[in-house]
C-alpha atoms as a PDB file:
ATOM      1  CA  MET A   1      -2.323 -23.267  -9.006  1.00  0.00           C
ATOM      2  CA  GLU A   2      -4.878 -20.504  -8.545  1.00  0.00           C
ATOM      3  CA  ASN A   3      -4.350 -16.780  -9.132  1.00  0.00           C
ATOM      4  CA  ILE A   4      -5.815 -14.381  -6.620  1.00  0.00           C
ATOM      5  CA  ASN A   5      -6.054 -10.753  -7.723  1.00  0.00           C
ATOM      6  CA  LEU A   6      -5.957  -8.111  -5.003  1.00  0.00           C
ATOM      7  CA  LYS A   7      -6.446  -4.363  -5.340  1.00  0.00           C
ATOM      8  CA  PHE A   8      -5.436  -1.860  -2.669  1.00  0.00           C
ATOM      9  CA  GLU A   9      -6.183   1.860  -2.315  1.00  0.00           C
ATOM     10  CA  ALA A  10      -3.193   4.209  -2.005  1.00  0.00           C
ATOM     11  CA  VAL A  11      -2.472   7.931  -1.849  1.00  0.00           C
ATOM     12  CA  ILE A  12       0.364  10.389  -2.355  1.00  0.00           C
ATOM     13  CA  THR A  13       0.832  13.405  -0.105  1.00  0.00           C
ATOM     14  CA  LYS A  14       3.727  15.839   0.207  1.00  0.00           C
ATOM     15  CA  GLU A  15       5.603  16.736   3.368  1.00  0.00           C
ATOM     16  CA  ASP A  16       8.252  19.408   2.891  1.00  0.00           C
ATOM     17  CA  ASP A  17      10.316  18.240  -0.123  1.00  0.00           C
ATOM     18  CA  ILE A  18       9.368  14.541   0.095  1.00  0.00           C
ATOM     19  CA  PHE A  19       6.432  12.733  -1.517  1.00  0.00           C
ATOM     20  CA  CYS A  20       4.845  10.288   0.920  1.00  0.00           C
ATOM     21  CA  SER A  21       2.936   7.246  -0.301  1.00  0.00           C
ATOM     22  CA  LEU A  22       0.507   5.269   1.820  1.00  0.00           C
ATOM     23  CA  CYS A  23      -1.405   2.087   1.105  1.00  0.00           C
ATOM     24  CA  ILE A  24      -4.663   2.716   2.971  1.00  0.00           C
ATOM     25  CA  ASP A  25      -5.754  -0.941   3.010  1.00  0.00           C
ATOM     26  CA  LEU A  26      -2.503  -2.366   4.405  1.00  0.00           C
ATOM     27  CA  ASN A  27      -1.169   0.564   6.463  1.00  0.00           C
ATOM     28  CA  VAL A  28       2.139   0.392   4.592  1.00  0.00           C
ATOM     29  CA  ALA A  29       3.997   3.609   3.759  1.00  0.00           C
ATOM     30  CA  SER A  30       7.023   4.763   1.813  1.00  0.00           C
ATOM     31  CA  GLU A  31       8.418   7.947   0.312  1.00  0.00           C
ATOM     32  CA  GLY A  32      10.401   9.335  -2.590  1.00  0.00           C
ATOM     33  CA  GLU A  33      11.816  12.499  -4.092  1.00  0.00           C
ATOM     34  CA  THR A  34       9.242  12.323  -6.922  1.00  0.00           C
ATOM     35  CA  ILE A  35       5.691  10.998  -7.160  1.00  0.00           C
ATOM     36  CA  GLU A  36       6.870   8.147  -9.376  1.00  0.00           C
ATOM     37  CA  GLU A  37       9.637   7.189  -6.940  1.00  0.00           C
ATOM     38  CA  ALA A  38       7.179   7.279  -4.015  1.00  0.00           C
ATOM     39  CA  LYS A  39       4.810   4.965  -5.939  1.00  0.00           C
ATOM     40  CA  LYS A  40       7.630   2.593  -6.908  1.00  0.00           C
ATOM     41  CA  ASN A  41       8.906   2.440  -3.340  1.00  0.00           C
ATOM     42  CA  LEU A  42       5.391   1.810  -2.017  1.00  0.00           C
ATOM     43  CA  ILE A  43       4.848  -1.054  -4.466  1.00  0.00           C
ATOM     44  CA  GLU A  44       8.103  -2.652  -3.250  1.00  0.00           C
ATOM     45  CA  ALA A  45       7.067  -2.139   0.386  1.00  0.00           C
ATOM     46  CA  VAL A  46       3.616  -3.662  -0.258  1.00  0.00           C
ATOM     47  CA  ASN A  47       5.187  -6.685  -1.987  1.00  0.00           C
ATOM     48  CA  ASP A  48       7.613  -7.185   0.896  1.00  0.00           C
ATOM     49  CA  TYR A  49       4.867  -6.755   3.478  1.00  0.00           C
ATOM     50  CA  ILE A  50       2.531  -9.294   1.830  1.00  0.00           C
ATOM     51  CA  GLU A  51       5.344 -11.814   1.399  1.00  0.00           C
ATOM     52  CA  ILE A  52       6.439 -11.526   5.038  1.00  0.00           C
ATOM     53  CA  ALA A  53       2.849 -11.609   6.346  1.00  0.00           C
ATOM     54  CA  ILE A  54       2.101 -14.807   4.407  1.00  0.00           C
ATOM     55  CA  GLU A  55       5.381 -16.485   5.416  1.00  0.00           C
ATOM     56  CA  ASN A  56       4.705 -15.701   9.097  1.00  0.00           C
ATOM     57  CA  ASN A  57       0.975 -16.497   9.046  1.00  0.00           C
ATOM     58  CA  LEU A  58       0.062 -12.897   9.892  1.00  0.00           C
ATOM     59  CA  PRO A  59      -3.050 -11.035   8.737  1.00  0.00           C
ATOM     60  CA  ILE A  60      -2.531  -9.179   5.476  1.00  0.00           C
ATOM     61  CA  MET A  61      -5.315  -6.617   5.736  1.00  0.00           C
ATOM     62  CA  ARG A  62      -4.788  -3.929   8.385  1.00  0.00           C
ATOM     63  CA  LYS A  63      -6.494  -0.812   7.152  1.00  0.00           C
ATOM     64  CA  VAL A  64      -5.371   2.639   8.261  1.00  0.00           C
ATOM     65  CA  SER A  65      -7.662   3.985  10.988  1.00  0.00           C
ATOM     66  CA  ASP A  66     -10.028   6.775   9.979  1.00  0.00           C
ATOM     67  CA  VAL A  67      -8.151   9.294  12.158  1.00  0.00           C
ATOM     68  CA  ASN A  68      -4.927   8.543  10.233  1.00  0.00           C
ATOM     69  CA  ASN A  69      -6.473   8.333   6.768  1.00  0.00           C
ATOM     70  CA  PRO A  70      -5.468  11.445   4.773  1.00  0.00           C
ATOM     71  CA  ILE A  71      -8.434  10.995   2.435  1.00  0.00           C
ATOM     72  CA  LEU A  72     -10.733  11.587   5.410  1.00  0.00           C
ATOM     73  CA  THR A  73      -8.677  13.906   7.616  1.00  0.00           C
ATOM     74  CA  THR A  74      -6.741  16.135   5.190  1.00  0.00           C
ATOM     75  CA  PRO A  75      -8.142  15.606   1.678  1.00  0.00           C
ATOM     76  CA  GLU A  76      -6.657  18.926   0.541  1.00  0.00           C
ATOM     77  CA  GLU A  77      -3.166  17.441   1.045  1.00  0.00           C
ATOM     78  CA  VAL A  78      -3.806  14.365  -1.121  1.00  0.00           C
ATOM     79  CA  ILE A  79      -1.979  14.895  -4.402  1.00  0.00           C
ATOM     80  CA  GLU A  80      -3.070  11.654  -6.023  1.00  0.00           C
ATOM     81  CA  LYS A  81      -5.160   8.552  -5.322  1.00  0.00           C
ATOM     82  CA  PHE A  82      -4.253   5.321  -7.089  1.00  0.00           C
ATOM     83  CA  SER A  83      -4.672   1.556  -6.888  1.00  0.00           C
ATOM     84  CA  ILE A  84      -2.014  -1.065  -6.334  1.00  0.00           C
ATOM     85  CA  LYS A  85      -2.844  -4.388  -7.973  1.00  0.00           C
ATOM     86  CA  THR A  86      -1.222  -7.601  -6.824  1.00  0.00           C
ATOM     87  CA  ASP A  87      -1.520 -11.119  -8.211  1.00  0.00           C
ATOM     88  CA  LEU A  88      -0.905 -13.971  -5.790  1.00  0.00           C
ATOM     89  CA  LYS A  89      -0.318 -17.491  -6.996  1.00  0.00           C
ATOM     90  CA  VAL A  90      -1.784 -19.936  -4.509  1.00  0.00           C
ATOM     91  CA  GLU A  91      -1.207 -23.656  -4.489  1.00  0.00           C
ATOM     92  CA  THR A  92      -3.268 -25.758  -2.106  1.00  0.00           C
ATOM     93  CA  TYR A  93      -2.134 -29.223  -1.160  1.00  0.00           C
ATOM     94  CA  VAL A  94      -2.455 -31.837   1.583  1.00  0.00           C
END
């Protein structure tokens, strides 16, 4: 069994009273009442997304378009940038 380590770029922004989290590399989003809750919810959403994509033979990577990327379009609204790290265990067989 082989381990594959993946690292994805993510950001936190704030809209009204909610912290919004977005994984730039996967175009997966979540939210929370605090920054920590928004991060936690995004990690769960990323895990679920990757699991479902693999099970259904769908592409994993689907980066946010430049026009929807807050780092490029509204950098003043980005509260925090962070990385999400995921380890996949892959077993190849015939």
